[in-house]
Amino acid sequence: MHISILPFVGLRKLVVLGGIGSLFIATTSCMESTAQSRSAEVESVAAVNPIDYLAKSSLNIQAITPTTAATSATISGRVIPAFQAKLASEVQGIVKAGSIAFKAGSKFNAGQVLLQIDQAEFEYQVKARKAAFLNSLTTILSDLKSDYPDSYPAWLDYVKAYDVEQRIDPLPKPQNDQEKFFLATYQINSQYYEIKGLEERLSKYQIVAPYNGQVVEVMTDIGSMINPGQALGTINSISQYEVEAAAGVKVAGKMRVGDRVIFNDARGDREWTAQLVRKGDLIDPNTQNVPLYFSIRGAGVIPGLYLEASVITEALDGVNTIPASALNRDNTVLILLDGAIQSKEVEPVVYQTDSVIVSGLVAGDQVILNDFQTPVIGKIVR
């Protein structure tokens, strides 16, 4: 058996060369792994932080120019008649027809007789009392002629013109105390005022319209027997109306009697000018509102109509109105500054239906109104 023995030196070179080869292979493998790792890291960073920008043309920008804005509040209410009366009888008798049909919905003019109550019996009593008074007057004429000749012609003319069918005229005035005492002796003045009272009561047998209006409710009918105090019905005016509205304490406090506002109906296609005529002094405990009453007139105004008006309450300087969607929850807005999107804090002053009046913006600010789904603060805009 033959065994070849390599020289020691040659064996060492072989070992060294083998080691160098292994190291080269390991080093090469490590470098490839590192390069792949760095490539993956770059790709990962690029995926997390993409280098992109927003086109300025895609942004909805509001250029800011601070102005004076007026704040307003909405008040609402319903139309009511300016006058409404509940009719009641002051006398007793049978109800008779007036100059209109006393039915719900019937219209009338001021001065028309709405209802009348049979007054024949009482009217005769009044005439009888007037006739008795005429007898008293003729009795004193002879004494007046002899004792008060200066006053006699006036009393004579009064008696000649006296008519029991007409309302009694005022008595001639006595010229001195003696004449006054003389008339008192015969109870002339007391009889005169008694007749005046009877005439006044006789007038209550007719229910006369105090204004132009309409019958709203009827509680009696022709031929019915009524007693003093009995309700007859309800009427209201049709030529004069009011809007019974309400407003918060702050808004009501800024309004003055005589102020004018424009009311609109629910559809907004009709409007009327109204004037504040009264303000309530009490606050509704449930709504914390103050009642306001506006005089209103015009075609189409009817009781029960619901109306709204916008009332200017305050003037604000150095503010801007922006869409409500542009204001973030932390009271900031997005602005375009130095080619990038940034956040700026503002102060909301008045919240309106779809907008907000804010302060804190200056001239030249560019508010971005877009609604972004992802964070955009710091993003470049070109």
Protein backbone atom coordinates (compact mmCIF):
# COMPACT_ATOMS: atom_id res chain seq x y z
CA MET A 1 0.00 0.00 0.00
CA HIS A 2 1.36 3.37 -1.13
CA ILE A 3 0.53 6.58 0.68
CA SER A 4 1.43 9.98 -0.76
CA ILE A 5 2.31 12.59 1.75
CA LEU A 6 1.91 16.25 0.72
CA PRO A 7 4.42 18.63 1.91
CA PHE A 8 3.29 20.64 4.91
CA VAL A 9 3.65 23.94 3.14
CA GLY A 10 1.51 22.81 0.29
CA LEU A 11 -1.17 21.61 2.67
CA ARG A 12 -1.25 25.02 4.44
CA LYS A 13 -1.71 26.84 1.15
CA LEU A 14 -4.57 24.59 0.32
CA VAL A 15 -6.28 25.23 3.62
CA VAL A 16 -5.77 28.97 3.26
CA LEU A 17 -7.12 28.99 -0.26
CA GLY A 18 -10.10 26.96 0.87
CA GLY A 19 -10.77 29.40 3.68
CA ILE A 20 -10.50 32.39 1.37
CA GLY A 21 -12.96 30.80 -1.01
CA SER A 22 -15.43 30.16 1.74
CA LEU A 23 -15.06 33.72 3.01
CA PHE A 24 -15.62 35.12 -0.50
CA ILE A 25 -18.73 33.05 -0.92
CA ALA A 26 -20.05 34.13 2.49
CA THR A 27 -19.19 37.77 1.87
CA THR A 28 -20.83 37.75 -1.53
CA SER A 29 -23.93 36.13 -0.10
CA CYS A 30 -24.08 38.68 2.71
CA MET A 31 -23.71 41.62 0.30
CA GLU A 32 -26.51 40.30 -1.86
CA SER A 33 -28.73 39.86 1.19
CA THR A 34 -27.94 43.38 2.39
CA ALA A 35 -28.68 44.85 -1.04
CA GLN A 36 -31.98 43.01 -1.21
CA SER A 37 -32.87 44.19 2.32
CA ARG A 38 -32.06 47.83 1.44
CA SER A 39 -34.06 47.57 -1.76
CA ALA A 40 -37.06 46.20 0.16
CA GLU A 41 -36.66 48.95 2.78
CA VAL A 42 -36.61 51.65 0.09
CA GLU A 43 -39.64 50.13 -1.53
CA SER A 44 -41.39 49.98 1.87
CA VAL A 45 -40.56 53.63 2.65
CA ALA A 46 -41.70 54.68 -0.79
CA ALA A 47 -44.99 52.86 -0.21
CA VAL A 48 -45.52 54.50 3.19
CA ASN A 49 -44.39 58.02 2.26
CA PRO A 50 -45.12 58.44 -1.43
CA ILE A 51 -43.62 61.58 -2.84
CA ASP A 52 -46.65 63.20 -4.56
CA TYR A 53 -48.58 66.50 -4.58
CA LEU A 54 -52.05 68.02 -5.15
CA ALA A 55 -52.95 70.01 -8.20
CA LYS A 56 -54.06 73.51 -7.28
CA SER A 57 -56.75 73.32 -9.93
CA SER A 58 -58.41 70.52 -7.95
CA LEU A 59 -58.83 72.69 -4.85
CA ASN A 60 -61.89 74.79 -4.04
CA ILE A 61 -60.32 77.90 -2.53
CA GLN A 62 -62.04 80.88 -0.87
CA ALA A 63 -59.94 84.03 -0.90
CA ILE A 64 -60.35 85.93 2.35
CA THR A 65 -61.20 89.62 2.55
CA PRO A 66 -62.45 90.52 6.07
CA THR A 67 -65.73 92.42 5.96
CA THR A 68 -68.56 93.57 8.20
CA ALA A 69 -71.20 90.89 8.54
CA ALA A 70 -74.68 91.21 9.98
CA THR A 71 -75.96 88.48 12.25
CA SER A 72 -79.62 87.64 12.08
CA ALA A 73 -82.20 85.57 13.90
CA THR A 74 -85.42 84.01 12.67
CA ILE A 75 -88.69 84.85 14.37
CA SER A 76 -91.96 83.18 13.53
CA GLY A 77 -95.60 83.41 14.45
CA ARG A 78 -99.18 83.23 13.24
CA VAL A 79 -101.57 85.87 12.01
CA ILE A 80 -104.32 86.77 14.44
CA PRO A 81 -107.12 89.35 14.20
CA ALA A 82 -106.17 92.73 15.64
CA PHE A 83 -109.59 92.79 17.32
CA GLN A 84 -111.80 89.97 18.50
CA ALA A 85 -114.95 90.31 20.58
CA LYS A 86 -117.19 87.86 22.37
CA LEU A 87 -120.72 89.22 22.17
CA ALA A 88 -123.09 88.97 25.13
CA SER A 89 -126.53 90.41 25.82
CA GLU A 90 -127.04 93.13 28.42
CA VAL A 91 -130.82 92.96 28.25
CA GLN A 92 -133.59 90.39 28.14
CA GLY A 93 -135.82 89.59 25.19
CA ILE A 94 -136.40 87.68 21.96
CA VAL A 95 -133.59 87.69 19.37
CA LYS A 96 -134.49 89.29 16.04
CA ALA A 97 -132.54 89.50 12.78
CA GLY A 98 -130.21 92.41 12.21
CA SER A 99 -128.99 93.82 8.92
CA ILE A 100 -126.88 90.70 8.16
CA ALA A 101 -127.34 86.97 8.54
CA PHE A 102 -125.74 86.24 11.88
CA LYS A 103 -123.98 83.04 10.76
CA ALA A 104 -120.37 81.89 10.98
CA GLY A 105 -118.41 83.35 8.09
CA SER A 106 -120.80 86.26 7.47
CA LYS A 107 -118.97 89.54 6.89
CA PHE A 108 -120.13 92.96 8.04
CA ASN A 109 -119.12 96.61 8.06
CA ALA A 110 -118.67 98.91 11.01
CA GLY A 111 -122.03 100.34 12.17
CA GLN A 112 -124.20 97.51 10.83
CA VAL A 113 -126.69 95.86 13.20
CA LEU A 114 -125.56 92.32 13.84
CA LEU A 115 -128.47 91.31 16.05
CA GLN A 116 -131.37 93.06 17.70
CA ILE A 117 -133.55 92.12 20.61
CA ASP A 118 -137.25 92.87 20.69
CA GLN A 119 -137.42 96.29 22.37
CA ALA A 120 -141.06 97.25 21.83
CA GLU A 121 -142.15 96.96 25.48
CA PHE A 122 -139.17 98.83 26.88
CA GLU A 123 -139.37 101.47 24.18
CA TYR A 124 -142.92 102.30 25.25
CA GLN A 125 -141.72 102.72 28.83
CA VAL A 126 -139.10 105.19 27.68
CA LYS A 127 -141.63 107.20 25.70
CA ALA A 128 -143.99 107.29 28.68
CA ARG A 129 -141.20 108.69 30.84
CA LYS A 130 -140.38 111.31 28.22
CA ALA A 131 -144.03 112.37 28.07
CA ALA A 132 -144.09 112.79 31.87
CA PHE A 133 -140.99 114.96 31.67
CA LEU A 134 -142.63 117.15 29.04
CA ASN A 135 -145.48 117.68 31.48
CA SER A 136 -143.00 118.79 34.16
CA LEU A 137 -141.42 121.28 31.75
CA THR A 138 -144.69 122.89 30.76
CA THR A 139 -145.58 123.23 34.45
CA ILE A 140 -142.57 125.48 35.21
CA LEU A 141 -142.83 127.69 32.13
CA SER A 142 -145.16 130.23 33.79
CA ASP A 143 -142.86 130.60 36.81
CA LEU A 144 -139.81 130.95 34.57
CA LYS A 145 -141.55 133.69 32.58
CA SER A 146 -142.33 135.72 35.69
CA ASP A 147 -139.30 135.02 37.89
CA TYR A 148 -136.54 134.44 35.29
CA PRO A 149 -137.56 136.36 32.18
CA ASP A 150 -134.05 136.27 30.70
CA SER A 151 -134.07 132.47 30.68
CA TYR A 152 -137.68 132.01 29.63
CA PRO A 153 -137.15 132.22 25.80
CA ALA A 154 -134.56 129.42 25.86
CA TRP A 155 -136.83 127.12 27.88
CA LEU A 156 -139.79 127.89 25.67
CA ASP A 157 -137.83 126.98 22.54
CA TYR A 158 -136.69 123.76 24.23
CA VAL A 159 -140.26 122.71 25.03
CA LYS A 160 -141.45 123.50 21.51
CA ALA A 161 -138.69 121.34 19.98
CA TYR A 162 -139.20 118.51 22.45
CA ASP A 163 -140.15 115.19 20.77
CA VAL A 164 -140.74 111.95 22.66
CA GLU A 165 -139.80 109.99 19.51
CA GLN A 166 -136.29 111.48 19.44
CA ARG A 167 -133.37 111.31 21.81
CA ILE A 168 -133.59 114.00 24.46
CA ASP A 169 -131.53 117.16 23.89
CA PRO A 170 -129.31 118.80 26.55
CA LEU A 171 -131.18 121.19 28.88
CA PRO A 172 -130.65 124.97 28.72
CA LYS A 173 -128.03 126.05 31.24
CA PRO A 174 -129.29 128.13 34.24
CA GLN A 175 -127.98 131.69 34.26
CA ASN A 176 -127.64 132.01 38.04
CA ASP A 177 -127.87 130.07 41.29
CA GLN A 178 -131.47 131.09 41.95
CA GLU A 179 -132.57 129.55 38.65
CA LYS A 180 -130.54 126.41 39.37
CA PHE A 181 -132.22 126.02 42.77
CA PHE A 182 -135.60 126.57 41.18
CA LEU A 183 -135.01 123.75 38.67
CA ALA A 184 -133.82 121.46 41.47
CA THR A 185 -137.06 122.06 43.37
CA TYR A 186 -139.02 120.56 40.48
CA GLN A 187 -136.41 117.76 39.96
CA ILE A 188 -135.90 118.80 36.36
CA ASN A 189 -132.28 117.67 36.21
CA SER A 190 -132.93 114.32 37.92
CA GLN A 191 -135.77 113.53 35.49
CA TYR A 192 -133.54 114.50 32.56
CA TYR A 193 -130.72 112.15 33.62
CA GLU A 194 -133.17 109.36 34.30
CA ILE A 195 -134.37 109.60 30.70
CA LYS A 196 -130.79 109.67 29.46
CA GLY A 197 -130.17 106.40 31.32
CA LEU A 198 -133.28 104.82 29.81
CA GLU A 199 -132.20 105.87 26.32
CA GLU A 200 -128.79 104.33 26.89
CA ARG A 201 -130.36 101.08 27.99
CA LEU A 202 -132.66 101.13 24.95
CA SER A 203 -129.62 101.27 22.67
CA LYS A 204 -128.42 97.96 24.11
CA TYR A 205 -131.29 96.18 22.35
CA GLN A 206 -129.21 96.43 19.19
CA ILE A 207 -125.80 94.76 18.75
CA VAL A 208 -123.87 97.10 16.42
CA ALA A 209 -120.62 96.13 14.67
CA PRO A 210 -117.68 98.11 16.08
CA TYR A 211 -115.47 97.48 13.01
CA ASN A 212 -115.33 95.72 9.66
CA GLY A 213 -115.20 92.02 10.37
CA GLN A 214 -116.76 88.61 10.18
CA VAL A 215 -118.74 86.29 12.41
CA VAL A 216 -116.53 83.53 13.81
CA GLU A 217 -118.88 81.73 16.18
CA VAL A 218 -122.64 81.79 16.73
CA MET A 219 -124.20 80.82 20.06
CA THR A 220 -127.82 81.88 19.54
CA ASP A 221 -130.41 81.98 16.80
CA ILE A 222 -133.33 84.10 15.64
CA GLY A 223 -136.35 83.68 17.91
CA SER A 224 -134.37 82.55 20.94
CA MET A 225 -135.09 84.01 24.36
CA ILE A 226 -131.97 85.46 25.92
CA ASN A 227 -131.12 86.87 29.34
CA PRO A 228 -128.60 89.47 30.50
CA GLY A 229 -125.05 88.09 30.33
CA GLN A 230 -125.88 85.33 27.87
CA ALA A 231 -123.24 84.72 25.15
CA LEU A 232 -124.34 85.45 21.59
CA GLY A 233 -121.23 84.69 19.52
CA THR A 234 -117.72 85.81 18.52
CA ILE A 235 -116.60 88.28 15.87
CA ASN A 236 -113.21 89.48 14.70
CA SER A 237 -111.81 92.19 12.46
CA ILE A 238 -110.90 91.48 8.83
CA SER A 239 -109.22 94.76 7.89
CA GLN A 240 -106.59 94.77 10.65
CA TYR A 241 -104.37 91.86 11.59
CA GLU A 242 -101.37 91.16 13.79
CA VAL A 243 -98.59 88.58 13.82
CA GLU A 244 -98.21 87.04 17.25
CA ALA A 245 -94.55 86.02 17.28
CA ALA A 246 -91.86 85.24 19.83
CA ALA A 247 -88.10 85.74 20.07
CA GLY A 248 -85.29 85.01 22.49
CA VAL A 249 -84.50 87.51 25.21
CA LYS A 250 -81.37 88.79 23.42
CA VAL A 251 -83.14 89.32 20.08
CA ALA A 252 -86.24 90.85 21.66
CA GLY A 253 -84.06 93.22 23.68
CA LYS A 254 -82.61 94.69 20.49
CA MET A 255 -86.01 95.35 18.92
CA ARG A 256 -87.95 98.58 19.45
CA VAL A 257 -91.60 99.44 18.94
CA GLY A 258 -91.86 100.86 15.44
CA ASP A 259 -89.23 98.56 13.90
CA ARG A 260 -90.22 97.06 10.56
CA VAL A 261 -89.55 93.51 9.41
CA ILE A 262 -90.45 91.49 6.32
CA PHE A 263 -92.45 88.30 6.90
CA ASN A 264 -92.60 85.41 4.42
CA ASP A 265 -95.03 82.53 4.20
CA ALA A 266 -93.90 78.92 4.57
CA ARG A 267 -93.23 78.54 0.82
CA GLY A 268 -91.32 81.81 0.64
CA ASP A 269 -93.16 83.07 -2.43
CA ARG A 270 -95.09 85.86 -0.69
CA GLU A 271 -93.94 88.58 1.69
CA TRP A 272 -95.49 91.34 3.77
CA THR A 273 -94.00 94.28 5.65
CA ALA A 274 -95.01 94.40 9.32
CA GLN A 275 -94.36 96.87 12.13
CA LEU A 276 -93.69 96.04 15.76
CA VAL A 277 -96.51 97.57 17.81
CA ARG A 278 -96.16 95.83 21.18
CA LYS A 279 -93.61 93.87 23.21
CA GLY A 280 -94.46 91.57 26.06
CA ASP A 281 -92.84 92.11 29.45
CA LEU A 282 -93.04 88.47 30.53
CA ILE A 283 -90.82 85.56 29.48
CA ASP A 284 -92.45 82.26 28.63
CA PRO A 285 -91.09 79.84 31.27
CA ASN A 286 -91.18 76.91 28.82
CA THR A 287 -89.54 78.49 25.75
CA GLN A 288 -87.72 81.43 27.40
CA ASN A 289 -89.07 83.64 24.61
CA VAL A 290 -90.60 87.10 24.74
CA PRO A 291 -93.90 87.69 22.87
CA LEU A 292 -93.83 90.25 20.05
CA TYR A 293 -96.81 91.69 18.19
CA PHE A 294 -96.54 93.09 14.66
CA SER A 295 -99.19 95.01 12.75
CA ILE A 296 -99.62 93.54 9.27
CA ARG A 297 -101.94 94.07 6.34
CA GLY A 298 -102.17 93.22 2.67
CA ALA A 299 -103.70 90.79 0.23
CA GLY A 300 -103.50 87.18 1.33
CA VAL A 301 -103.23 87.89 5.06
CA ILE A 302 -105.68 85.66 6.89
CA PRO A 303 -105.93 84.47 10.50
CA GLY A 304 -103.89 81.35 11.22
CA LEU A 305 -101.29 81.95 8.47
CA TYR A 306 -97.79 80.92 9.62
CA LEU A 307 -95.09 83.49 8.84
CA GLU A 308 -91.32 83.84 9.35
CA ALA A 309 -89.00 86.85 9.34
CA SER A 310 -85.23 87.29 9.51
CA VAL A 311 -84.19 89.99 11.98
CA ILE A 312 -80.74 91.61 11.95
CA THR A 313 -79.38 91.51 15.48
CA GLU A 314 -75.74 92.65 15.35
CA ALA A 315 -73.00 93.97 13.03
CA LEU A 316 -69.60 92.25 13.27
CA ASP A 317 -66.39 93.83 11.95
CA GLY A 318 -63.37 91.97 10.52
CA VAL A 319 -65.11 88.64 10.05
CA ASN A 320 -65.77 86.22 7.22
CA THR A 321 -68.50 83.76 6.39
CA ILE A 322 -67.29 80.29 5.41
CA PRO A 323 -69.19 77.05 4.75
CA ALA A 324 -69.89 75.08 7.92
CA SER A 325 -68.15 72.05 6.36
CA ALA A 326 -64.86 73.99 6.17
CA LEU A 327 -64.65 74.38 9.96
CA ASN A 328 -63.04 71.45 11.73
CA ARG A 329 -64.01 70.19 15.16
CA ASP A 330 -60.97 71.82 16.74
CA ASN A 331 -62.02 75.21 15.31
CA THR A 332 -59.38 75.17 12.58
CA VAL A 333 -59.53 75.54 8.82
CA LEU A 334 -57.22 74.37 6.06
CA ILE A 335 -55.37 77.13 4.22
CA LEU A 336 -52.94 77.22 1.33
CA LEU A 337 -49.71 78.88 2.49
CA ASP A 338 -46.30 78.88 0.77
CA GLY A 339 -47.35 76.16 -1.65
CA ALA A 340 -48.47 73.71 1.05
CA ILE A 341 -51.63 72.89 2.95
CA GLN A 342 -51.54 74.10 6.53
CA SER A 343 -53.95 74.40 9.47
CA LYS A 344 -55.04 77.71 10.99
CA GLU A 345 -57.09 78.31 14.14
CA VAL A 346 -60.15 80.57 13.91
CA GLU A 347 -62.89 81.67 16.31
CA PRO A 348 -66.50 80.85 15.41
CA VAL A 349 -68.70 83.88 16.11
CA VAL A 350 -72.13 82.90 14.79
CA TYR A 351 -73.36 79.52 13.59
CA GLN A 352 -75.90 79.72 10.77
CA THR A 353 -77.82 77.07 8.87
CA ASP A 354 -75.11 76.08 6.37
CA SER A 355 -72.34 78.52 7.20
CA VAL A 356 -70.30 79.96 10.06
CA ILE A 357 -69.17 83.52 10.68
CA VAL A 358 -65.57 83.35 11.96
CA SER A 359 -62.82 85.72 13.03
CA GLY A 360 -59.09 85.13 12.93
CA LEU A 361 -58.56 85.12 9.19
CA VAL A 362 -56.64 87.94 7.54
CA ALA A 363 -56.67 89.43 4.08
CA GLY A 364 -54.90 87.15 1.64
CA ASP A 365 -55.63 83.90 3.46
CA GLN A 366 -56.76 81.15 1.11
CA VAL A 367 -59.21 78.80 2.83
CA ILE A 368 -59.48 75.35 1.28
CA LEU A 369 -63.10 74.19 1.18
CA ASN A 370 -62.53 70.62 -0.07
CA ASP A 371 -63.61 67.71 2.09
CA PHE A 372 -60.59 65.36 2.32
CA GLN A 373 -60.86 61.75 3.44
CA THR A 374 -57.19 61.46 4.47
CA PRO A 375 -54.82 63.86 6.29
CA VAL A 376 -53.40 66.46 3.92
CA ILE A 377 -51.64 68.91 6.25
CA GLY A 378 -48.15 69.53 4.88
CA LYS A 379 -48.95 68.24 1.40
CA ILE A 380 -47.41 70.19 -1.48
CA VAL A 381 -49.71 72.01 -3.86
CA ARG A 382 -48.57 72.82 -7.42
